Amino acid sequence: MKKNIGIFNLLLILITFIFLDYATKLWAIENLFIKYQSIKLTSFLSMTPVWNSGISFGFFQGSGEIGRYGFTIFAFLVSIWLIFSSFKMPRYSSLGFILIASGAIGNAIDRIIYGKVVDFIDFYIDDLHWPAFNLADTIIFIGAFLFLFNQFFTAESSYYQK
C-alpha cells in the first residue's frame, strides 16, 4: 500500500518553507542590500544580493510589468494545481509537489511586494558565477528531484494513488 503524507502535514510543510524563504530574503535585504553588499563564506560561495526581474537563471529579465504579473499569476495557478494534486499522490511525489509550490509561492510573494525576486546565494569558481539564487529556488530544485526520484526509482512510481 502506498503511503501519503497527509493533507495537514503537507500544508504545514508548505507554510513552513514559504516562511523560511521569506525570512531568508528579509535577512538578505536588511543585511546584504543595505549593510554589507556581499559576505564571502568560502572560496566558492558568497551571499551577494541580486534583484531578479526574470525567472530562473535570470531568463526574461526586463520583461516589465507584463512579466511581473504574468509570472506571479502563473506561479500561483501552477502552485494551486500542485498543492491539490499532492493530496492524491504517494509521499515522495506529494512532498516534491509541495516543495515546488512553496518555492514558487515564495518567489511570487517577492514579485508582489518588490516587483522582482531577491536572489543572494552566489556559487562561483574564480570569475565564473552560477546565476544567483535563493532558498525558494533550492526548494523547487529539491522538490523536482524528489518527484522525479519517486517516479523512476521507488516502488511508489505510479503517478496517482488508486
N, C-alpha and C. Protein backbone atom coordinates (compact mmCIF):
# COMPACT_ATOMS: atom_id res chain seq x y z
N MET A 1 0.84 -1.18 0.00
CA MET A 1 0.00 0.00 0.00
C MET A 1 0.88 1.25 0.00
N LYS A 2 0.53 2.17 -0.84
CA LYS A 2 1.27 3.41 -0.93
C LYS A 2 0.85 4.34 0.20
N LYS A 3 1.82 4.99 0.80
CA LYS A 3 1.52 5.91 1.89
C LYS A 3 1.69 7.34 1.41
N ASN A 4 0.80 8.20 1.89
CA ASN A 4 0.98 9.61 1.61
C ASN A 4 1.21 10.35 2.92
N ILE A 5 1.53 11.59 2.82
CA ILE A 5 1.95 12.36 3.99
C ILE A 5 0.77 12.87 4.79
N GLY A 6 -0.33 13.14 4.15
CA GLY A 6 -1.49 13.70 4.83
C GLY A 6 -1.62 15.19 4.53
N ILE A 7 -2.85 15.61 4.37
CA ILE A 7 -3.11 17.00 3.98
C ILE A 7 -2.56 17.99 5.00
N PHE A 8 -2.82 17.74 6.28
CA PHE A 8 -2.35 18.67 7.31
C PHE A 8 -0.84 18.82 7.27
N ASN A 9 -0.13 17.70 7.19
CA ASN A 9 1.34 17.74 7.16
C ASN A 9 1.85 18.44 5.90
N LEU A 10 1.21 18.20 4.77
CA LEU A 10 1.64 18.86 3.54
C LEU A 10 1.45 20.38 3.64
N LEU A 11 0.32 20.80 4.19
CA LEU A 11 0.08 22.24 4.33
C LEU A 11 1.04 22.85 5.34
N LEU A 12 1.38 22.11 6.38
CA LEU A 12 2.36 22.60 7.36
C LEU A 12 3.73 22.77 6.70
N ILE A 13 4.12 21.81 5.89
CA ILE A 13 5.40 21.90 5.15
C ILE A 13 5.37 23.10 4.21
N LEU A 14 4.27 23.27 3.49
CA LEU A 14 4.11 24.39 2.57
C LEU A 14 4.31 25.72 3.29
N ILE A 15 3.59 25.92 4.37
CA ILE A 15 3.65 27.18 5.13
C ILE A 15 5.04 27.39 5.73
N THR A 16 5.63 26.32 6.25
CA THR A 16 6.96 26.42 6.86
C THR A 16 8.00 26.89 5.85
N PHE A 17 8.00 26.29 4.66
CA PHE A 17 9.01 26.67 3.67
C PHE A 17 8.75 28.05 3.08
N ILE A 18 7.50 28.44 2.94
CA ILE A 18 7.21 29.81 2.49
C ILE A 18 7.74 30.79 3.53
N PHE A 19 7.51 30.51 4.81
CA PHE A 19 8.00 31.37 5.89
C PHE A 19 9.53 31.43 5.90
N LEU A 20 10.19 30.26 5.81
CA LEU A 20 11.66 30.23 5.82
C LEU A 20 12.24 31.01 4.64
N ASP A 21 11.62 30.86 3.47
CA ASP A 21 12.08 31.59 2.31
C ASP A 21 11.93 33.09 2.54
N TYR A 22 10.79 33.50 3.05
CA TYR A 22 10.55 34.92 3.32
C TYR A 22 11.56 35.46 4.34
N ALA A 23 11.80 34.68 5.38
CA ALA A 23 12.74 35.12 6.43
C ALA A 23 14.15 35.28 5.89
N THR A 24 14.60 34.35 5.04
CA THR A 24 15.96 34.46 4.49
C THR A 24 16.07 35.65 3.54
N LYS A 25 15.03 35.91 2.79
CA LYS A 25 15.06 37.06 1.88
C LYS A 25 15.01 38.37 2.65
N LEU A 26 14.25 38.41 3.72
CA LEU A 26 14.22 39.60 4.57
C LEU A 26 15.60 39.85 5.17
N TRP A 27 16.25 38.77 5.62
CA TRP A 27 17.62 38.88 6.13
C TRP A 27 18.53 39.44 5.04
N ALA A 28 18.40 38.90 3.83
CA ALA A 28 19.26 39.36 2.72
C ALA A 28 19.03 40.84 2.43
N ILE A 29 17.80 41.28 2.43
CA ILE A 29 17.51 42.69 2.16
C ILE A 29 18.11 43.57 3.25
N GLU A 30 17.88 43.20 4.49
CA GLU A 30 18.36 44.03 5.61
C GLU A 30 19.88 44.02 5.75
N ASN A 31 20.51 42.90 5.43
CA ASN A 31 21.95 42.79 5.65
C ASN A 31 22.78 42.95 4.39
N LEU A 32 22.36 42.38 3.30
CA LEU A 32 23.19 42.41 2.09
C LEU A 32 22.95 43.65 1.26
N PHE A 33 21.70 43.98 1.01
CA PHE A 33 21.41 45.15 0.19
C PHE A 33 21.77 46.44 0.91
N ILE A 34 21.59 46.46 2.21
CA ILE A 34 21.77 47.70 2.96
C ILE A 34 23.14 47.80 3.63
N LYS A 35 23.57 46.77 4.35
CA LYS A 35 24.78 46.88 5.17
C LYS A 35 26.06 46.44 4.45
N TYR A 36 26.11 45.21 3.98
CA TYR A 36 27.39 44.62 3.59
C TYR A 36 27.65 44.51 2.10
N GLN A 37 26.66 44.52 1.27
CA GLN A 37 26.74 44.30 -0.17
C GLN A 37 27.11 42.85 -0.52
N SER A 38 28.01 42.22 0.20
CA SER A 38 28.36 40.84 -0.06
C SER A 38 29.08 40.27 1.16
N ILE A 39 28.83 39.00 1.42
CA ILE A 39 29.52 38.31 2.50
C ILE A 39 30.14 37.05 1.91
N LYS A 40 31.47 37.00 1.91
CA LYS A 40 32.17 35.83 1.37
C LYS A 40 32.22 34.76 2.46
N LEU A 41 31.68 33.58 2.15
CA LEU A 41 31.65 32.48 3.11
C LEU A 41 32.78 31.49 2.89
N THR A 42 33.06 31.18 1.63
CA THR A 42 34.16 30.26 1.29
C THR A 42 34.81 30.77 0.02
N SER A 43 35.76 30.01 -0.51
CA SER A 43 36.41 30.41 -1.76
C SER A 43 35.50 30.22 -2.97
N PHE A 44 34.33 29.63 -2.78
CA PHE A 44 33.41 29.40 -3.90
C PHE A 44 31.97 29.80 -3.60
N LEU A 45 31.72 30.39 -2.42
CA LEU A 45 30.35 30.73 -2.03
C LEU A 45 30.32 32.07 -1.31
N SER A 46 29.43 32.92 -1.77
CA SER A 46 29.20 34.19 -1.06
C SER A 46 27.71 34.48 -1.05
N MET A 47 27.33 35.39 -0.19
CA MET A 47 25.97 35.91 -0.15
C MET A 47 26.04 37.29 -0.78
N THR A 48 25.56 37.39 -2.01
CA THR A 48 25.63 38.63 -2.78
C THR A 48 24.24 38.94 -3.31
N PRO A 49 23.69 40.11 -2.98
CA PRO A 49 22.31 40.40 -3.37
C PRO A 49 22.15 40.72 -4.85
N VAL A 50 21.08 40.19 -5.43
CA VAL A 50 20.75 40.42 -6.83
C VAL A 50 19.23 40.55 -6.92
N TRP A 51 18.75 41.55 -7.64
CA TRP A 51 17.32 41.65 -7.94
C TRP A 51 17.10 40.94 -9.28
N ASN A 52 16.20 39.98 -9.30
CA ASN A 52 15.91 39.20 -10.50
C ASN A 52 14.49 39.50 -10.95
N SER A 53 14.35 40.22 -12.05
CA SER A 53 13.02 40.52 -12.56
C SER A 53 12.56 39.45 -13.55
N GLY A 54 13.43 38.49 -13.84
CA GLY A 54 13.07 37.42 -14.76
C GLY A 54 12.64 36.17 -14.01
N ILE A 55 12.93 35.02 -14.60
CA ILE A 55 12.63 33.74 -13.96
C ILE A 55 13.95 33.06 -13.66
N SER A 56 13.94 31.76 -13.50
CA SER A 56 15.14 31.00 -13.16
C SER A 56 16.32 31.36 -14.06
N PHE A 57 17.48 31.48 -13.44
CA PHE A 57 18.73 31.79 -14.13
C PHE A 57 18.69 33.15 -14.83
N GLY A 58 17.77 34.01 -14.43
CA GLY A 58 17.70 35.36 -14.99
C GLY A 58 17.08 35.44 -16.38
N PHE A 59 16.48 34.34 -16.87
CA PHE A 59 15.80 34.41 -18.16
C PHE A 59 14.65 35.41 -18.09
N PHE A 60 14.39 36.06 -19.19
CA PHE A 60 13.30 37.04 -19.34
C PHE A 60 13.47 38.27 -18.46
N GLN A 61 14.73 38.64 -18.18
CA GLN A 61 14.99 39.90 -17.48
C GLN A 61 14.44 41.04 -18.33
N GLY A 62 13.94 42.04 -17.70
CA GLY A 62 13.45 43.20 -18.42
C GLY A 62 12.10 42.98 -19.08
N SER A 63 11.33 42.01 -18.59
CA SER A 63 10.01 41.77 -19.18
C SER A 63 8.96 42.73 -18.64
N GLY A 64 9.36 43.61 -17.74
CA GLY A 64 8.49 44.68 -17.25
C GLY A 64 7.29 44.20 -16.45
N GLU A 65 6.26 45.01 -16.46
CA GLU A 65 5.06 44.73 -15.67
C GLU A 65 4.34 43.48 -16.17
N ILE A 66 4.39 43.24 -17.47
CA ILE A 66 3.75 42.03 -18.02
C ILE A 66 4.41 40.80 -17.42
N GLY A 67 5.73 40.79 -17.36
CA GLY A 67 6.45 39.68 -16.75
C GLY A 67 6.15 39.57 -15.27
N ARG A 68 6.16 40.70 -14.57
CA ARG A 68 5.90 40.69 -13.13
C ARG A 68 4.56 40.04 -12.82
N TYR A 69 3.52 40.53 -13.45
CA TYR A 69 2.19 40.00 -13.14
C TYR A 69 1.95 38.64 -13.79
N GLY A 70 2.48 38.47 -15.00
CA GLY A 70 2.32 37.18 -15.68
C GLY A 70 3.00 36.04 -14.92
N PHE A 71 4.25 36.26 -14.50
CA PHE A 71 4.98 35.23 -13.75
C PHE A 71 4.29 34.96 -12.41
N THR A 72 3.76 36.02 -11.78
CA THR A 72 3.10 35.87 -10.48
C THR A 72 1.82 35.05 -10.63
N ILE A 73 0.99 35.40 -11.59
CA ILE A 73 -0.26 34.66 -11.80
C ILE A 73 0.04 33.21 -12.17
N PHE A 74 0.99 33.01 -13.07
CA PHE A 74 1.37 31.66 -13.48
C PHE A 74 1.85 30.84 -12.28
N ALA A 75 2.70 31.44 -11.44
CA ALA A 75 3.22 30.74 -10.26
C ALA A 75 2.09 30.33 -9.32
N PHE A 76 1.14 31.22 -9.09
CA PHE A 76 0.03 30.88 -8.20
C PHE A 76 -0.87 29.81 -8.80
N LEU A 77 -1.16 29.89 -10.09
CA LEU A 77 -2.01 28.87 -10.72
C LEU A 77 -1.34 27.49 -10.68
N VAL A 78 -0.07 27.44 -11.04
CA VAL A 78 0.65 26.16 -11.00
C VAL A 78 0.73 25.65 -9.56
N SER A 79 0.97 26.54 -8.61
CA SER A 79 1.08 26.14 -7.20
C SER A 79 -0.24 25.56 -6.69
N ILE A 80 -1.34 26.18 -7.05
CA ILE A 80 -2.65 25.65 -6.63
C ILE A 80 -2.83 24.24 -7.17
N TRP A 81 -2.50 24.05 -8.46
CA TRP A 81 -2.62 22.72 -9.05
C TRP A 81 -1.69 21.72 -8.33
N LEU A 82 -0.46 22.13 -8.06
CA LEU A 82 0.50 21.25 -7.38
C LEU A 82 0.00 20.87 -5.99
N ILE A 83 -0.53 21.83 -5.26
CA ILE A 83 -1.00 21.57 -3.90
C ILE A 83 -2.13 20.56 -3.91
N PHE A 84 -3.16 20.80 -4.74
CA PHE A 84 -4.29 19.87 -4.76
C PHE A 84 -3.89 18.51 -5.33
N SER A 85 -3.00 18.49 -6.29
CA SER A 85 -2.53 17.21 -6.83
C SER A 85 -1.74 16.44 -5.79
N SER A 86 -1.00 17.14 -4.94
CA SER A 86 -0.15 16.47 -3.96
C SER A 86 -0.97 15.66 -2.95
N PHE A 87 -2.23 16.04 -2.73
CA PHE A 87 -3.06 15.33 -1.76
C PHE A 87 -3.38 13.91 -2.20
N LYS A 88 -3.24 13.61 -3.50
CA LYS A 88 -3.60 12.30 -4.04
C LYS A 88 -2.39 11.45 -4.42
N MET A 89 -1.21 11.90 -4.08
CA MET A 89 -0.01 11.23 -4.58
C MET A 89 0.73 10.49 -3.47
N PRO A 90 1.61 9.57 -3.86
CA PRO A 90 2.48 8.91 -2.88
C PRO A 90 3.40 9.92 -2.20
N ARG A 91 3.94 9.55 -1.08
CA ARG A 91 4.62 10.51 -0.20
C ARG A 91 5.74 11.32 -0.84
N TYR A 92 6.65 10.72 -1.58
CA TYR A 92 7.77 11.50 -2.12
C TYR A 92 7.31 12.43 -3.25
N SER A 93 6.39 11.97 -4.06
CA SER A 93 5.85 12.83 -5.11
C SER A 93 5.07 13.98 -4.50
N SER A 94 4.25 13.69 -3.49
CA SER A 94 3.47 14.76 -2.87
C SER A 94 4.39 15.76 -2.17
N LEU A 95 5.42 15.27 -1.51
CA LEU A 95 6.38 16.17 -0.88
C LEU A 95 7.09 17.02 -1.94
N GLY A 96 7.45 16.39 -3.05
CA GLY A 96 8.08 17.12 -4.15
C GLY A 96 7.19 18.23 -4.67
N PHE A 97 5.92 17.92 -4.89
CA PHE A 97 4.97 18.93 -5.38
C PHE A 97 4.80 20.06 -4.38
N ILE A 98 4.72 19.74 -3.10
CA ILE A 98 4.55 20.77 -2.07
C ILE A 98 5.79 21.66 -2.01
N LEU A 99 6.96 21.09 -2.13
CA LEU A 99 8.18 21.89 -2.12
C LEU A 99 8.25 22.82 -3.34
N ILE A 100 7.89 22.30 -4.50
CA ILE A 100 7.87 23.14 -5.70
C ILE A 100 6.88 24.29 -5.50
N ALA A 101 5.69 23.99 -4.99
CA ALA A 101 4.68 25.03 -4.76
C ALA A 101 5.18 26.05 -3.73
N SER A 102 5.86 25.59 -2.68
CA SER A 102 6.39 26.50 -1.66
C SER A 102 7.36 27.50 -2.27
N GLY A 103 8.28 27.00 -3.07
CA GLY A 103 9.26 27.87 -3.71
C GLY A 103 8.62 28.83 -4.70
N ALA A 104 7.68 28.32 -5.48
CA ALA A 104 7.01 29.18 -6.47
C ALA A 104 6.22 30.29 -5.77
N ILE A 105 5.54 29.94 -4.69
CA ILE A 105 4.78 30.95 -3.94
C ILE A 105 5.74 31.94 -3.29
N GLY A 106 6.84 31.46 -2.75
CA GLY A 106 7.83 32.36 -2.14
C GLY A 106 8.35 33.39 -3.13
N ASN A 107 8.67 32.96 -4.34
CA ASN A 107 9.15 33.90 -5.35
C ASN A 107 8.02 34.80 -5.84
N ALA A 108 6.79 34.28 -5.90
CA ALA A 108 5.65 35.11 -6.31
C ALA A 108 5.38 36.21 -5.29
N ILE A 109 5.56 35.90 -4.02
CA ILE A 109 5.39 36.91 -2.98
C ILE A 109 6.38 38.05 -3.19
N ASP A 110 7.61 37.72 -3.53
CA ASP A 110 8.61 38.76 -3.85
C ASP A 110 8.13 39.65 -4.99
N ARG A 111 7.60 39.04 -6.03
CA ARG A 111 7.14 39.82 -7.19
C ARG A 111 6.00 40.76 -6.80
N ILE A 112 5.15 40.30 -5.90
CA ILE A 112 4.05 41.15 -5.45
C ILE A 112 4.60 42.32 -4.63
N ILE A 113 5.48 42.03 -3.68
CA ILE A 113 5.99 43.06 -2.77
C ILE A 113 6.99 43.99 -3.45
N TYR A 114 7.97 43.42 -4.15
CA TYR A 114 9.09 44.21 -4.67
C TYR A 114 9.08 44.40 -6.19
N GLY A 115 8.27 43.63 -6.88
CA GLY A 115 8.28 43.69 -8.34
C GLY A 115 9.33 42.82 -8.98
N LYS A 116 10.15 42.17 -8.16
CA LYS A 116 11.21 41.27 -8.62
C LYS A 116 11.59 40.35 -7.47
N VAL A 117 12.42 39.37 -7.76
CA VAL A 117 12.77 38.35 -6.78
C VAL A 117 14.14 38.66 -6.17
N VAL A 118 14.25 38.42 -4.87
CA VAL A 118 15.51 38.60 -4.15
C VAL A 118 16.33 37.32 -4.28
N ASP A 119 17.46 37.40 -4.95
CA ASP A 119 18.41 36.29 -5.04
C ASP A 119 19.68 36.72 -4.31
N PHE A 120 20.35 35.77 -3.67
CA PHE A 120 21.54 36.18 -2.92
C PHE A 120 22.58 35.08 -2.72
N ILE A 121 22.29 33.85 -3.06
CA ILE A 121 23.27 32.76 -2.92
C ILE A 121 24.08 32.71 -4.20
N ASP A 122 25.39 32.89 -4.07
CA ASP A 122 26.28 33.04 -5.23
C ASP A 122 27.39 32.00 -5.18
N PHE A 123 27.28 30.96 -6.02
CA PHE A 123 28.35 29.96 -6.18
C PHE A 123 29.22 30.39 -7.35
N TYR A 124 30.53 30.19 -7.21
CA TYR A 124 31.44 30.59 -8.27
C TYR A 124 32.76 29.84 -8.18
N ILE A 125 33.45 29.80 -9.31
CA ILE A 125 34.83 29.33 -9.39
C ILE A 125 35.59 30.43 -10.12
N ASP A 126 36.51 31.05 -9.43
CA ASP A 126 37.23 32.21 -9.95
C ASP A 126 36.22 33.27 -10.39
N ASP A 127 36.21 33.61 -11.68
CA ASP A 127 35.27 34.63 -12.18
C ASP A 127 34.02 34.02 -12.82
N LEU A 128 33.89 32.71 -12.77
CA LEU A 128 32.72 32.03 -13.35
C LEU A 128 31.66 31.86 -12.26
N HIS A 129 30.54 32.55 -12.41
CA HIS A 129 29.47 32.54 -11.42
C HIS A 129 28.26 31.78 -11.94
N TRP A 130 27.72 30.89 -11.10
CA TRP A 130 26.41 30.31 -11.35
C TRP A 130 25.42 31.43 -11.09
N PRO A 131 24.30 31.49 -11.82
CA PRO A 131 23.34 32.56 -11.54
C PRO A 131 22.91 32.54 -10.06
N ALA A 132 22.84 33.71 -9.46
CA ALA A 132 22.44 33.81 -8.06
C ALA A 132 21.05 33.23 -7.88
N PHE A 133 20.81 32.66 -6.70
CA PHE A 133 19.52 32.05 -6.42
C PHE A 133 19.18 32.26 -4.95
N ASN A 134 18.06 31.70 -4.52
CA ASN A 134 17.59 31.88 -3.14
C ASN A 134 17.07 30.55 -2.60
N LEU A 135 16.55 30.58 -1.39
CA LEU A 135 16.04 29.35 -0.77
C LEU A 135 14.87 28.79 -1.57
N ALA A 136 13.99 29.65 -2.08
CA ALA A 136 12.84 29.18 -2.87
C ALA A 136 13.32 28.37 -4.08
N ASP A 137 14.34 28.86 -4.76
CA ASP A 137 14.88 28.13 -5.92
C ASP A 137 15.43 26.77 -5.50
N THR A 138 16.09 26.75 -4.35
CA THR A 138 16.64 25.49 -3.83
C THR A 138 15.52 24.51 -3.49
N ILE A 139 14.46 25.03 -2.89
CA ILE A 139 13.31 24.19 -2.53
C ILE A 139 12.65 23.63 -3.79
N ILE A 140 12.53 24.46 -4.82
CA ILE A 140 11.95 23.99 -6.09
C ILE A 140 12.80 22.87 -6.67
N PHE A 141 14.12 23.04 -6.66
CA PHE A 141 15.03 22.02 -7.19
C PHE A 141 14.89 20.71 -6.41
N ILE A 142 14.89 20.79 -5.09
CA ILE A 142 14.76 19.59 -4.26
C ILE A 142 13.41 18.92 -4.50
N GLY A 143 12.36 19.72 -4.62
CA GLY A 143 11.04 19.17 -4.89
C GLY A 143 10.98 18.44 -6.22
N ALA A 144 11.56 19.03 -7.24
CA ALA A 144 11.58 18.39 -8.56
C ALA A 144 12.38 17.09 -8.50
N PHE A 145 13.50 17.11 -7.78
CA PHE A 145 14.31 15.90 -7.63
C PHE A 145 13.51 14.80 -6.92
N LEU A 146 12.82 15.14 -5.83
CA LEU A 146 12.03 14.14 -5.11
C LEU A 146 10.93 13.54 -5.98
N PHE A 147 10.24 14.40 -6.71
CA PHE A 147 9.19 13.91 -7.59
C PHE A 147 9.76 12.96 -8.64
N LEU A 148 10.82 13.38 -9.32
CA LEU A 148 11.40 12.54 -10.36
C LEU A 148 12.00 11.26 -9.79
N PHE A 149 12.64 11.36 -8.63
CA PHE A 149 13.19 10.17 -7.98
C PHE A 149 12.07 9.16 -7.71
N ASN A 150 10.95 9.66 -7.18
CA ASN A 150 9.83 8.77 -6.89
C ASN A 150 9.27 8.14 -8.16
N GLN A 151 9.21 8.91 -9.24
CA GLN A 151 8.64 8.41 -10.48
C GLN A 151 9.48 7.31 -11.11
N PHE A 152 10.78 7.38 -10.92
CA PHE A 152 11.66 6.45 -11.62
C PHE A 152 12.33 5.39 -10.75
N PHE A 153 12.46 5.63 -9.44
CA PHE A 153 13.30 4.75 -8.64
C PHE A 153 12.66 4.16 -7.39
N THR A 154 11.38 4.33 -7.19
CA THR A 154 10.76 3.76 -6.00
C THR A 154 9.61 2.84 -6.37
N ALA A 155 9.17 2.07 -5.40
CA ALA A 155 8.03 1.18 -5.61
C ALA A 155 6.74 1.97 -5.74
N GLU A 156 6.76 3.24 -5.37
CA GLU A 156 5.57 4.09 -5.44
C GLU A 156 5.52 4.88 -6.75
N SER A 157 6.02 4.31 -7.82
CA SER A 157 6.25 5.11 -9.02
C SER A 157 5.02 5.40 -9.86
N SER A 158 3.84 4.96 -9.49
CA SER A 158 2.68 5.37 -10.28
C SER A 158 2.32 6.80 -9.94
N TYR A 159 1.78 7.51 -10.90
CA TYR A 159 1.55 8.96 -10.75
C TYR A 159 0.53 9.28 -9.68
N TYR A 160 -0.65 8.69 -9.72
CA TYR A 160 -1.67 8.93 -8.71
C TYR A 160 -1.98 7.64 -7.97
N GLN A 161 -2.26 7.79 -6.71
CA GLN A 161 -2.69 6.62 -5.94
C GLN A 161 -4.09 6.22 -6.36
N LYS A 162 -4.35 4.94 -6.26
CA LYS A 162 -5.71 4.47 -6.60
C LYS A 162 -6.49 4.20 -5.36
